[in-house]
C-alpha cells in the first residue's frame, strides 16, 4: 500500500458557469504549489491527478484537476456528495485531500 500525503484546508464551494456547471472547491495556492513541485509526476492527461477527498466525515475516491486559468487545482464535488454532506453553493468547508 502506498502512503498518501494529506492536505487539510478550507475553501468556498463555487459553480462553473457552463451549462449544467460542476461544483468545485479550489485548492489554496500554497497547497497547489507544494503538490505541483513534489507530485506533478502523478498527473495524467489534462492535469488530472487521482486523489481521495474527505469532508464532514465522508471519504471518496476522486481526482483533482489543474486549471491554468485559475492557477490552482480544482476538486469537483459531485451532486451525491453535496447532498449526503449537506453542502451548498457558497458554503466555506473544511476538507482534506489525500494524494
PDB file of N, CA and C in Angstrom:
ATOM      1  N   UNK A   1       0.842  -1.182   0.000  1.00  0.00           N
ATOM      2  CA  UNK A   1       0.000   0.000   0.000  1.00  0.00           C
ATOM      3  C   UNK A   1       0.893   1.253   0.000  1.00  0.00           C
ATOM      4  N   UNK A   2       0.587   2.174  -0.872  1.00  0.00           N
ATOM      5  CA  UNK A   2       1.370   3.395  -0.990  1.00  0.00           C
ATOM      6  C   UNK A   2       0.857   4.433   0.013  1.00  0.00           C
ATOM      7  N   UNK A   3       1.761   5.027   0.762  1.00  0.00           N
ATOM      8  CA  UNK A   3       1.383   6.084   1.703  1.00  0.00           C
ATOM      9  C   UNK A   3       0.909   7.301   0.916  1.00  0.00           C
ATOM     10  N   UNK A   4      -0.021   8.027   1.503  1.00  0.00           N
ATOM     11  CA  UNK A   4      -0.532   9.221   0.848  1.00  0.00           C
ATOM     12  C   UNK A   4      -0.232  10.441   1.704  1.00  0.00           C
ATOM     13  N   UNK A   5      -0.056  11.570   1.023  1.00  0.00           N
ATOM     14  CA  UNK A   5       0.159  12.843   1.707  1.00  0.00           C
ATOM     15  C   UNK A   5      -1.202  13.501   1.874  1.00  0.00           C
ATOM     16  N   UNK A   6      -1.474  13.972   3.086  1.00  0.00           N
ATOM     17  CA  UNK A   6      -2.771  14.574   3.398  1.00  0.00           C
ATOM     18  C   UNK A   6      -2.640  16.091   3.469  1.00  0.00           C
ATOM     19  N   UNK A   7      -3.501  16.781   2.755  1.00  0.00           N
ATOM     20  CA  UNK A   7      -3.551  18.239   2.757  1.00  0.00           C
ATOM     21  C   UNK A   7      -4.895  18.670   3.339  1.00  0.00           C
ATOM     22  N   UNK A   8      -4.884  19.391   4.442  1.00  0.00           N
ATOM     23  CA  UNK A   8      -6.090  19.924   5.066  1.00  0.00           C
ATOM     24  C   UNK A   8      -6.215  21.402   4.720  1.00  0.00           C
ATOM     25  N   UNK A   9      -7.420  21.828   4.384  1.00  0.00           N
ATOM     26  CA  UNK A   9      -7.636  23.233   4.037  1.00  0.00           C
ATOM     27  C   UNK A   9      -9.118  23.556   4.067  1.00  0.00           C
ATOM     28  N   UNK A  10      -9.432  24.823   3.949  1.00  0.00           N
ATOM     29  CA  UNK A  10     -10.809  25.293   3.830  1.00  0.00           C
ATOM     30  C   UNK A  10     -10.960  25.986   2.488  1.00  0.00           C
ATOM     31  N   UNK A  11     -12.143  25.910   1.935  1.00  0.00           N
ATOM     32  CA  UNK A  11     -12.409  26.569   0.661  1.00  0.00           C
ATOM     33  C   UNK A  11     -13.894  26.789   0.465  1.00  0.00           C
ATOM     34  N   UNK A  12     -14.210  27.683  -0.428  1.00  0.00           N
ATOM     35  CA  UNK A  12     -15.598  28.044  -0.719  1.00  0.00           C
ATOM     36  C   UNK A  12     -16.087  27.252  -1.935  1.00  0.00           C
ATOM     37  N   UNK A  13     -17.282  26.720  -1.839  1.00  0.00           N
ATOM     38  CA  UNK A  13     -17.882  25.974  -2.952  1.00  0.00           C
ATOM     39  C   UNK A  13     -18.360  26.966  -4.007  1.00  0.00           C
ATOM     40  N   UNK A  14     -17.938  26.737  -5.251  1.00  0.00           N
ATOM     41  CA  UNK A  14     -18.359  27.592  -6.353  1.00  0.00           C
ATOM     42  C   UNK A  14     -18.812  26.726  -7.519  1.00  0.00           C
ATOM     43  N   UNK A  15     -19.532  27.325  -8.430  1.00  0.00           N
ATOM     44  CA  UNK A  15     -20.088  26.592  -9.571  1.00  0.00           C
ATOM     45  C   UNK A  15     -19.551  27.171 -10.867  1.00  0.00           C
ATOM     46  N   UNK A  16     -19.097  26.270 -11.737  1.00  0.00           N
ATOM     47  CA  UNK A  16     -18.647  26.686 -13.066  1.00  0.00           C
ATOM     48  C   UNK A  16     -19.864  27.187 -13.831  1.00  0.00           C
ATOM     49  N   UNK A  17     -19.707  28.241 -14.599  1.00  0.00           N
ATOM     50  CA  UNK A  17     -20.858  28.863 -15.251  1.00  0.00           C
ATOM     51  C   UNK A  17     -21.313  28.194 -16.540  1.00  0.00           C
ATOM     52  N   UNK A  18     -20.718  27.071 -16.911  1.00  0.00           N
ATOM     53  CA  UNK A  18     -21.153  26.365 -18.122  1.00  0.00           C
ATOM     54  C   UNK A  18     -22.525  25.732 -17.892  1.00  0.00           C
ATOM     55  N   UNK A  19     -23.192  25.387 -18.981  1.00  0.00           N
ATOM     56  CA  UNK A  19     -24.487  24.726 -18.910  1.00  0.00           C
ATOM     57  C   UNK A  19     -24.372  23.463 -18.057  1.00  0.00           C
ATOM     58  N   UNK A  20     -25.204  23.332 -17.034  1.00  0.00           N
ATOM     59  CA  UNK A  20     -25.121  22.182 -16.142  1.00  0.00           C
ATOM     60  C   UNK A  20     -23.832  22.168 -15.356  1.00  0.00           C
ATOM     61  N   UNK A  21     -23.301  23.343 -15.045  1.00  0.00           N
ATOM     62  CA  UNK A  21     -21.979  23.501 -14.450  1.00  0.00           C
ATOM     63  C   UNK A  21     -21.701  22.656 -13.225  1.00  0.00           C
ATOM     64  N   UNK A  22     -20.450  22.243 -13.112  1.00  0.00           N
ATOM     65  CA  UNK A  22     -19.972  21.465 -11.979  1.00  0.00           C
ATOM     66  C   UNK A  22     -19.714  22.374 -10.792  1.00  0.00           C
ATOM     67  N   UNK A  23     -19.750  21.778  -9.604  1.00  0.00           N
ATOM     68  CA  UNK A  23     -19.414  22.471  -8.374  1.00  0.00           C
ATOM     69  C   UNK A  23     -17.986  22.092  -7.993  1.00  0.00           C
ATOM     70  N   UNK A  24     -17.231  23.062  -7.499  1.00  0.00           N
ATOM     71  CA  UNK A  24     -15.825  22.844  -7.159  1.00  0.00           C
ATOM     72  C   UNK A  24     -15.455  23.536  -5.857  1.00  0.00           C
ATOM     73  N   UNK A  25     -14.324  23.102  -5.314  1.00  0.00           N
ATOM     74  CA  UNK A  25     -13.589  23.841  -4.298  1.00  0.00           C
ATOM     75  C   UNK A  25     -12.188  23.982  -4.867  1.00  0.00           C
ATOM     76  N   UNK A  26     -11.662  25.193  -4.884  1.00  0.00           N
ATOM     77  CA  UNK A  26     -10.302  25.434  -5.361  1.00  0.00           C
ATOM     78  C   UNK A  26      -9.327  25.173  -4.219  1.00  0.00           C
ATOM     79  N   UNK A  27      -8.285  24.426  -4.514  1.00  0.00           N
ATOM     80  CA  UNK A  27      -7.250  24.218  -3.512  1.00  0.00           C
ATOM     81  C   UNK A  27      -6.477  25.514  -3.339  1.00  0.00           C
ATOM     82  N   UNK A  28      -6.046  25.818  -2.118  1.00  0.00           N
ATOM     83  CA  UNK A  28      -5.272  27.052  -1.895  1.00  0.00           C
ATOM     84  C   UNK A  28      -3.995  27.059  -2.738  1.00  0.00           C
ATOM     85  N   UNK A  29      -3.545  28.248  -3.078  1.00  0.00           N
ATOM     86  CA  UNK A  29      -2.349  28.394  -3.925  1.00  0.00           C
ATOM     87  C   UNK A  29      -1.126  27.721  -3.307  1.00  0.00           C
ATOM     88  N   UNK A  30      -0.962  27.827  -1.987  1.00  0.00           N
ATOM     89  CA  UNK A  30       0.186  27.207  -1.329  1.00  0.00           C
ATOM     90  C   UNK A  30       0.159  25.696  -1.427  1.00  0.00           C
ATOM     91  N   UNK A  31      -1.023  25.105  -1.262  1.00  0.00           N
ATOM     92  CA  UNK A  31      -1.174  23.654  -1.390  1.00  0.00           C
ATOM     93  C   UNK A  31      -0.903  23.239  -2.833  1.00  0.00           C
ATOM     94  N   UNK A  32      -1.462  23.990  -3.771  1.00  0.00           N
ATOM     95  CA  UNK A  32      -1.239  23.703  -5.185  1.00  0.00           C
ATOM     96  C   UNK A  32       0.254  23.757  -5.518  1.00  0.00           C
ATOM     97  N   UNK A  33       0.929  24.781  -5.029  1.00  0.00           N
ATOM     98  CA  UNK A  33       2.364  24.915  -5.316  1.00  0.00           C
ATOM     99  C   UNK A  33       3.137  23.710  -4.792  1.00  0.00           C
ATOM    100  N   UNK A  34       2.831  23.291  -3.568  1.00  0.00           N
ATOM    101  CA  UNK A  34       3.526  22.143  -2.988  1.00  0.00           C
ATOM    102  C   UNK A  34       3.253  20.863  -3.779  1.00  0.00           C
ATOM    103  N   UNK A  35       2.008  20.657  -4.169  1.00  0.00           N
ATOM    104  CA  UNK A  35       1.666  19.461  -4.949  1.00  0.00           C
ATOM    105  C   UNK A  35       2.382  19.481  -6.292  1.00  0.00           C
ATOM    106  N   UNK A  36       2.364  20.613  -6.967  1.00  0.00           N
ATOM    107  CA  UNK A  36       2.996  20.698  -8.293  1.00  0.00           C
ATOM    108  C   UNK A  36       4.511  20.527  -8.208  1.00  0.00           C
ATOM    109  N   UNK A  37       5.112  21.038  -7.153  1.00  0.00           N
ATOM    110  CA  UNK A  37       6.558  20.914  -7.015  1.00  0.00           C
ATOM    111  C   UNK A  37       6.993  19.491  -6.681  1.00  0.00           C
ATOM    112  N   UNK A  38       6.159  18.759  -5.940  1.00  0.00           N
ATOM    113  CA  UNK A  38       6.571  17.451  -5.445  1.00  0.00           C
ATOM    114  C   UNK A  38       5.856  16.251  -6.071  1.00  0.00           C
ATOM    115  N   UNK A  39       4.651  16.455  -6.553  1.00  0.00           N
ATOM    116  CA  UNK A  39       3.858  15.314  -7.018  1.00  0.00           C
ATOM    117  C   UNK A  39       3.355  15.439  -8.451  1.00  0.00           C
ATOM    118  N   UNK A  40       3.804  16.443  -9.158  1.00  0.00           N
ATOM    119  CA  UNK A  40       3.314  16.673 -10.516  1.00  0.00           C
ATOM    120  C   UNK A  40       3.515  15.456 -11.416  1.00  0.00           C
ATOM    121  N   UNK A  41       4.513  14.642 -11.124  1.00  0.00           N
ATOM    122  CA  UNK A  41       4.785  13.441 -11.923  1.00  0.00           C
ATOM    123  C   UNK A  41       3.593  12.478 -11.910  1.00  0.00           C
ATOM    124  N   UNK A  42       2.675  12.653 -10.953  1.00  0.00           N
ATOM    125  CA  UNK A  42       1.499  11.785 -10.883  1.00  0.00           C
ATOM    126  C   UNK A  42       0.352  12.272 -11.778  1.00  0.00           C
ATOM    127  N   UNK A  43       0.496  13.457 -12.346  1.00  0.00           N
ATOM    128  CA  UNK A  43      -0.573  13.978 -13.201  1.00  0.00           C
ATOM    129  C   UNK A  43      -0.747  13.110 -14.433  1.00  0.00           C
ATOM    130  N   UNK A  44      -1.995  12.945 -14.808  1.00  0.00           N
ATOM    131  CA  UNK A  44      -2.338  12.255 -16.042  1.00  0.00           C
ATOM    132  C   UNK A  44      -2.712  13.330 -17.055  1.00  0.00           C
ATOM    133  N   UNK A  45      -3.416  12.971 -18.102  1.00  0.00           N
ATOM    134  CA  UNK A  45      -3.817  13.943 -19.112  1.00  0.00           C
ATOM    135  C   UNK A  45      -4.638  15.089 -18.543  1.00  0.00           C
ATOM    136  N   UNK A  46      -4.474  16.258 -19.116  1.00  0.00           N
ATOM    137  CA  UNK A  46      -5.212  17.472 -18.769  1.00  0.00           C
ATOM    138  C   UNK A  46      -5.018  17.888 -17.324  1.00  0.00           C
ATOM    139  N   UNK A  47      -3.880  17.557 -16.723  1.00  0.00           N
ATOM    140  CA  UNK A  47      -3.586  17.977 -15.365  1.00  0.00           C
ATOM    141  C   UNK A  47      -4.366  17.238 -14.293  1.00  0.00           C
ATOM    142  N   UNK A  48      -4.919  16.084 -14.637  1.00  0.00           N
ATOM    143  CA  UNK A  48      -5.709  15.288 -13.701  1.00  0.00           C
ATOM    144  C   UNK A  48      -4.787  14.485 -12.792  1.00  0.00           C
ATOM    145  N   UNK A  49      -5.129  14.472 -11.488  1.00  0.00           N
ATOM    146  CA  UNK A  49      -4.362  13.686 -10.527  1.00  0.00           C
ATOM    147  C   UNK A  49      -5.338  12.947  -9.610  1.00  0.00           C
ATOM    148  N   UNK A  50      -5.174  11.642  -9.514  1.00  0.00           N
ATOM    149  CA  UNK A  50      -6.029  10.846  -8.634  1.00  0.00           C
ATOM    150  C   UNK A  50      -5.843  11.298  -7.201  1.00  0.00           C
ATOM    151  N   UNK A  51      -6.949  11.290  -6.454  1.00  0.00           N
ATOM    152  CA  UNK A  51      -6.914  11.739  -5.067  1.00  0.00           C
ATOM    153  C   UNK A  51      -8.064  11.094  -4.295  1.00  0.00           C
ATOM    154  N   UNK A  52      -8.006  11.225  -2.999  1.00  0.00           N
ATOM    155  CA  UNK A  52      -9.100  10.861  -2.120  1.00  0.00           C
ATOM    156  C   UNK A  52      -9.479  12.134  -1.381  1.00  0.00           C
ATOM    157  N   UNK A  53     -10.774  12.381  -1.234  1.00  0.00           N
ATOM    158  CA  UNK A  53     -11.234  13.581  -0.542  1.00  0.00           C
ATOM    159  C   UNK A  53     -12.036  13.172   0.688  1.00  0.00           C
ATOM    160  N   UNK A  54     -11.990  14.022   1.705  1.00  0.00           N
ATOM    161  CA  UNK A  54     -12.737  13.792   2.940  1.00  0.00           C
ATOM    162  C   UNK A  54     -13.388  15.107   3.351  1.00  0.00           C
ATOM    163  N   UNK A  55     -14.707  15.067   3.556  1.00  0.00           N
ATOM    164  CA  UNK A  55     -15.437  16.236   4.046  1.00  0.00           C
ATOM    165  C   UNK A  55     -16.581  15.745   4.937  1.00  0.00           C
ATOM    166  N   UNK A  56     -16.751  16.385   6.060  1.00  0.00           N
ATOM    167  CA  UNK A  56     -17.808  16.021   7.012  1.00  0.00           C
ATOM    168  C   UNK A  56     -17.827  14.525   7.315  1.00  0.00           C
ATOM    169  N   UNK A  57     -16.659  13.921   7.430  1.00  0.00           N
ATOM    170  CA  UNK A  57     -16.562  12.502   7.735  1.00  0.00           C
ATOM    171  C   UNK A  57     -16.794  11.574   6.558  1.00  0.00           C
ATOM    172  N   UNK A  58     -17.124  12.142   5.397  1.00  0.00           N
ATOM    173  CA  UNK A  58     -17.339  11.335   4.189  1.00  0.00           C
ATOM    174  C   UNK A  58     -16.031  11.274   3.401  1.00  0.00           C
ATOM    175  N   UNK A  59     -15.687  10.083   2.933  1.00  0.00           N
ATOM    176  CA  UNK A  59     -14.449   9.874   2.191  1.00  0.00           C
ATOM    177  C   UNK A  59     -14.791   9.233   0.852  1.00  0.00           C
ATOM    178  N   UNK A  60     -14.191   9.757  -0.235  1.00  0.00           N
ATOM    179  CA  UNK A  60     -14.448   9.176  -1.552  1.00  0.00           C
ATOM    180  C   UNK A  60     -13.236   9.338  -2.460  1.00  0.00           C
ATOM    181  N   UNK A  61     -13.122   8.420  -3.409  1.00  0.00           N
ATOM    182  CA  UNK A  61     -12.064   8.495  -4.419  1.00  0.00           C
ATOM    183  C   UNK A  61     -12.509   9.444  -5.511  1.00  0.00           C
ATOM    184  N   UNK A  62     -11.592  10.292  -5.937  1.00  0.00           N
ATOM    185  CA  UNK A  62     -11.905  11.316  -6.923  1.00  0.00           C
ATOM    186  C   UNK A  62     -10.618  11.695  -7.651  1.00  0.00           C
ATOM    187  N   UNK A  63     -10.582  12.878  -8.194  1.00  0.00           N
ATOM    188  CA  UNK A  63      -9.380  13.429  -8.829  1.00  0.00           C
ATOM    189  C   UNK A  63      -9.424  14.939  -8.669  1.00  0.00           C
ATOM    190  N   UNK A  64      -8.259  15.539  -8.670  1.00  0.00           N
ATOM    191  CA  UNK A  64      -8.172  16.995  -8.728  1.00  0.00           C
ATOM    192  C   UNK A  64      -7.639  17.344 -10.114  1.00  0.00           C
ATOM    193  N   UNK A  65      -7.969  18.515 -10.577  1.00  0.00           N
ATOM    194  CA  UNK A  65      -7.596  18.947 -11.936  1.00  0.00           C
ATOM    195  C   UNK A  65      -6.872  20.274 -11.844  1.00  0.00           C
ATOM    196  N   UNK A  66      -5.704  20.374 -12.484  1.00  0.00           N
ATOM    197  CA  UNK A  66      -5.009  21.658 -12.504  1.00  0.00           C
ATOM    198  C   UNK A  66      -5.640  22.528 -13.578  1.00  0.00           C
ATOM    199  N   UNK A  67      -6.018  23.717 -13.197  1.00  0.00           N
ATOM    200  CA  UNK A  67      -6.648  24.659 -14.117  1.00  0.00           C
ATOM    201  C   UNK A  67      -5.709  25.842 -14.333  1.00  0.00           C
ATOM    202  N   UNK A  68      -5.204  25.967 -15.545  1.00  0.00           N
ATOM    203  CA  UNK A  68      -4.270  27.047 -15.861  1.00  0.00           C
ATOM    204  C   UNK A  68      -4.902  28.424 -15.680  1.00  0.00           C
ATOM    205  N   UNK A  69      -6.195  28.538 -15.976  1.00  0.00           N
ATOM    206  CA  UNK A  69      -6.879  29.819 -15.855  1.00  0.00           C
ATOM    207  C   UNK A  69      -6.848  30.325 -14.412  1.00  0.00           C
ATOM    208  N   UNK A  70      -7.091  29.427 -13.468  1.00  0.00           N
ATOM    209  CA  UNK A  70      -7.132  29.797 -12.059  1.00  0.00           C
ATOM    210  C   UNK A  70      -5.781  29.612 -11.359  1.00  0.00           C
ATOM    211  N   UNK A  71      -4.880  28.848 -11.980  1.00  0.00           N
ATOM    212  CA  UNK A  71      -3.571  28.597 -11.402  1.00  0.00           C
ATOM    213  C   UNK A  71      -3.613  27.746 -10.151  1.00  0.00           C
ATOM    214  N   UNK A  72      -4.607  26.873 -10.080  1.00  0.00           N
ATOM    215  CA  UNK A  72      -4.762  26.023  -8.910  1.00  0.00           C
ATOM    216  C   UNK A  72      -5.447  24.716  -9.306  1.00  0.00           C
ATOM    217  N   UNK A  73      -5.381  23.756  -8.397  1.00  0.00           N
ATOM    218  CA  UNK A  73      -6.139  22.524  -8.607  1.00  0.00           C
ATOM    219  C   UNK A  73      -7.579  22.756  -8.193  1.00  0.00           C
ATOM    220  N   UNK A  74      -8.467  22.072  -8.871  1.00  0.00           N
ATOM    221  CA  UNK A  74      -9.892  22.131  -8.571  1.00  0.00           C
ATOM    222  C   UNK A  74     -10.359  20.756  -8.125  1.00  0.00           C
ATOM    223  N   UNK A  75     -11.117  20.719  -7.048  1.00  0.00           N
ATOM    224  CA  UNK A  75     -11.712  19.489  -6.562  1.00  0.00           C
ATOM    225  C   UNK A  75     -13.197  19.520  -6.898  1.00  0.00           C
ATOM    226  N   UNK A  76     -13.663  18.633  -7.789  1.00  0.00           N
ATOM    227  CA  UNK A  76     -15.089  18.598  -8.108  1.00  0.00           C
ATOM    228  C   UNK A  76     -15.888  17.964  -6.971  1.00  0.00           C
ATOM    229  N   UNK A  77     -17.073  18.496  -6.739  1.00  0.00           N
ATOM    230  CA  UNK A  77     -17.976  17.963  -5.721  1.00  0.00           C
ATOM    231  C   UNK A  77     -19.238  17.457  -6.416  1.00  0.00           C
ATOM    232  N   UNK A  78     -19.335  16.135  -6.564  1.00  0.00           N
ATOM    233  CA  UNK A  78     -20.489  15.542  -7.230  1.00  0.00           C
ATOM    234  C   UNK A  78     -21.769  15.800  -6.434  1.00  0.00           C
ATOM    235  N   UNK A  79     -22.887  15.770  -7.140  1.00  0.00           N
ATOM    236  CA  UNK A  79     -24.187  16.052  -6.519  1.00  0.00           C
ATOM    237  C   UNK A  79     -24.472  15.117  -5.351  1.00  0.00           C
ATOM    238  N   UNK A  80     -24.166  13.827  -5.486  1.00  0.00           N
ATOM    239  CA  UNK A  80     -24.483  12.904  -4.392  1.00  0.00           C
ATOM    240  C   UNK A  80     -23.655  13.212  -3.146  1.00  0.00           C
ATOM    241  N   UNK A  81     -22.421  13.633  -3.321  1.00  0.00           N
ATOM    242  CA  UNK A  81     -21.582  14.017  -2.184  1.00  0.00           C
ATOM    243  C   UNK A  81     -22.143  15.281  -1.531  1.00  0.00           C
ATOM    244  N   UNK A  82     -22.492  16.268  -2.346  1.00  0.00           N
ATOM    245  CA  UNK A  82     -23.049  17.517  -1.799  1.00  0.00           C
ATOM    246  C   UNK A  82     -24.337  17.241  -1.030  1.00  0.00           C
ATOM    247  N   UNK A  83     -25.172  16.369  -1.562  1.00  0.00           N
ATOM    248  CA  UNK A  83     -26.449  16.053  -0.912  1.00  0.00           C
ATOM    249  C   UNK A  83     -26.220  15.324   0.411  1.00  0.00           C
ATOM    250  N   UNK A  84     -25.382  14.282   0.399  1.00  0.00           N
ATOM    251  CA  UNK A  84     -25.131  13.494   1.610  1.00  0.00           C
ATOM    252  C   UNK A  84     -24.466  14.326   2.704  1.00  0.00           C
ATOM    253  N   UNK A  85     -23.588  15.245   2.324  1.00  0.00           N
ATOM    254  CA  UNK A  85     -22.863  16.070   3.296  1.00  0.00           C
ATOM    255  C   UNK A  85     -23.559  17.410   3.549  1.00  0.00           C
ATOM    256  N   UNK A  86     -24.714  17.639   2.907  1.00  0.00           N
ATOM    257  CA  UNK A  86     -25.474  18.880   3.041  1.00  0.00           C
ATOM    258  C   UNK A  86     -24.609  20.098   2.730  1.00  0.00           C
ATOM    259  N   UNK A  87     -23.973  20.063   1.566  1.00  0.00           N
ATOM    260  CA  UNK A  87     -23.112  21.158   1.114  1.00  0.00           C
ATOM    261  C   UNK A  87     -23.847  22.003   0.085  1.00  0.00           C
ATOM    262  N   UNK A  88     -23.748  23.297   0.232  1.00  0.00           N
ATOM    263  CA  UNK A  88     -24.456  24.230  -0.650  1.00  0.00           C
ATOM    264  C   UNK A  88     -23.481  25.188  -1.330  1.00  0.00           C
ATOM    265  N   UNK A  89     -23.891  25.673  -2.485  1.00  0.00           N
ATOM    266  CA  UNK A  89     -23.132  26.679  -3.211  1.00  0.00           C
ATOM    267  C   UNK A  89     -22.828  27.855  -2.282  1.00  0.00           C
ATOM    268  N   UNK A  90     -21.575  28.272  -2.239  1.00  0.00           N
ATOM    269  CA  UNK A  90     -21.176  29.403  -1.406  1.00  0.00           C
ATOM    270  C   UNK A  90     -20.716  29.017  -0.014  1.00  0.00           C
ATOM    271  N   UNK A  91     -20.975  27.774   0.413  1.00  0.00           N
ATOM    272  CA  UNK A  91     -20.501  27.320   1.725  1.00  0.00           C
ATOM    273  C   UNK A  91     -18.968  27.308   1.755  1.00  0.00           C
ATOM    274  N   UNK A  92     -18.398  27.683   2.865  1.00  0.00           N
ATOM    275  CA  UNK A  92     -16.967  27.509   3.102  1.00  0.00           C
ATOM    276  C   UNK A  92     -16.838  26.245   3.938  1.00  0.00           C
ATOM    277  N   UNK A  93     -16.091  25.279   3.408  1.00  0.00           N
ATOM    278  CA  UNK A  93     -15.979  23.987   4.058  1.00  0.00           C
ATOM    279  C   UNK A  93     -14.530  23.669   4.397  1.00  0.00           C
ATOM    280  N   UNK A  94     -14.356  22.827   5.392  1.00  0.00           N
ATOM    281  CA  UNK A  94     -13.037  22.324   5.740  1.00  0.00           C
ATOM    282  C   UNK A  94     -12.967  20.900   5.231  1.00  0.00           C
ATOM    283  N   UNK A  95     -11.905  20.582   4.525  1.00  0.00           N
ATOM    284  CA  UNK A  95     -11.777  19.253   3.921  1.00  0.00           C
ATOM    285  C   UNK A  95     -10.334  18.824   3.859  1.00  0.00           C
ATOM    286  N   UNK A  96     -10.151  17.591   3.427  1.00  0.00           N
ATOM    287  CA  UNK A  96      -8.810  17.049   3.246  1.00  0.00           C
ATOM    288  C   UNK A  96      -8.738  16.386   1.875  1.00  0.00           C
ATOM    289  N   UNK A  97      -7.577  16.485   1.268  1.00  0.00           N
ATOM    290  CA  UNK A  97      -7.291  15.781   0.014  1.00  0.00           C
ATOM    291  C   UNK A  97      -6.052  14.947   0.272  1.00  0.00           C
ATOM    292  N   UNK A  98      -6.139  13.671  -0.080  1.00  0.00           N
ATOM    293  CA  UNK A  98      -5.006  12.760   0.078  1.00  0.00           C
ATOM    294  C   UNK A  98      -4.517  12.363  -1.304  1.00  0.00           C
ATOM    295  N   UNK A  99      -3.205  12.520  -1.511  1.00  0.00           N
ATOM    296  CA  UNK A  99      -2.611  12.205  -2.811  1.00  0.00           C
ATOM    297  C   UNK A  99      -1.480  11.223  -2.577  1.00  0.00           C
TER     298      UNK A  99
END
